[in-house]
């Protein structure tokens, strides 16, 4: 039998909630099984300690005191007020610019790859050599420039946040 089941049965026995059949079987187990006897002694001691402990009554103004302390605390403003929309627009603009730049680059490379005589943009994507387009020096420069711009944007954002925190604490 697991410990949880033993404790459950013993608590019912200690609280006087057991049926007569359970009381008889628990009495037999207490006299014959040392595990049940040990657990019974622990629970009786715990019950005695819990019953002897004096609980303090909260003051009559306890709820009112708590509510007054809550009112004194600074309540954070709504999300609209502390999210800088310029930062969000800057990140969005950065990502859109990066995607548009890559699209323009690929279209230019496709036209160069197919030859200047072809005026349509229909290209067989299965025959396309993607490694030739992505392993280009200009692509790497473009991606590196976007990385630097992204880090500059992150630095600016963190600087603004640092100044806001400094101003709030001052």
Foldseek 3Di string as FASTA:
>chain_A
DDPVVLLVLLVCLVVVNDDPVSVVVLVVCCVPPVVSVVSNVVVVVVVVVVVPDDDDDDDPCVVVVVVVVVVPDDDDDDPVVPDDVVLVVVVVVLVVVLVVVVVVLVQVVQCVVVDVVDPDSDDDPVPDDVCVSCVDPVNVVSVVVSVVVVVVSVVVVVVVVVVVVVVVVD
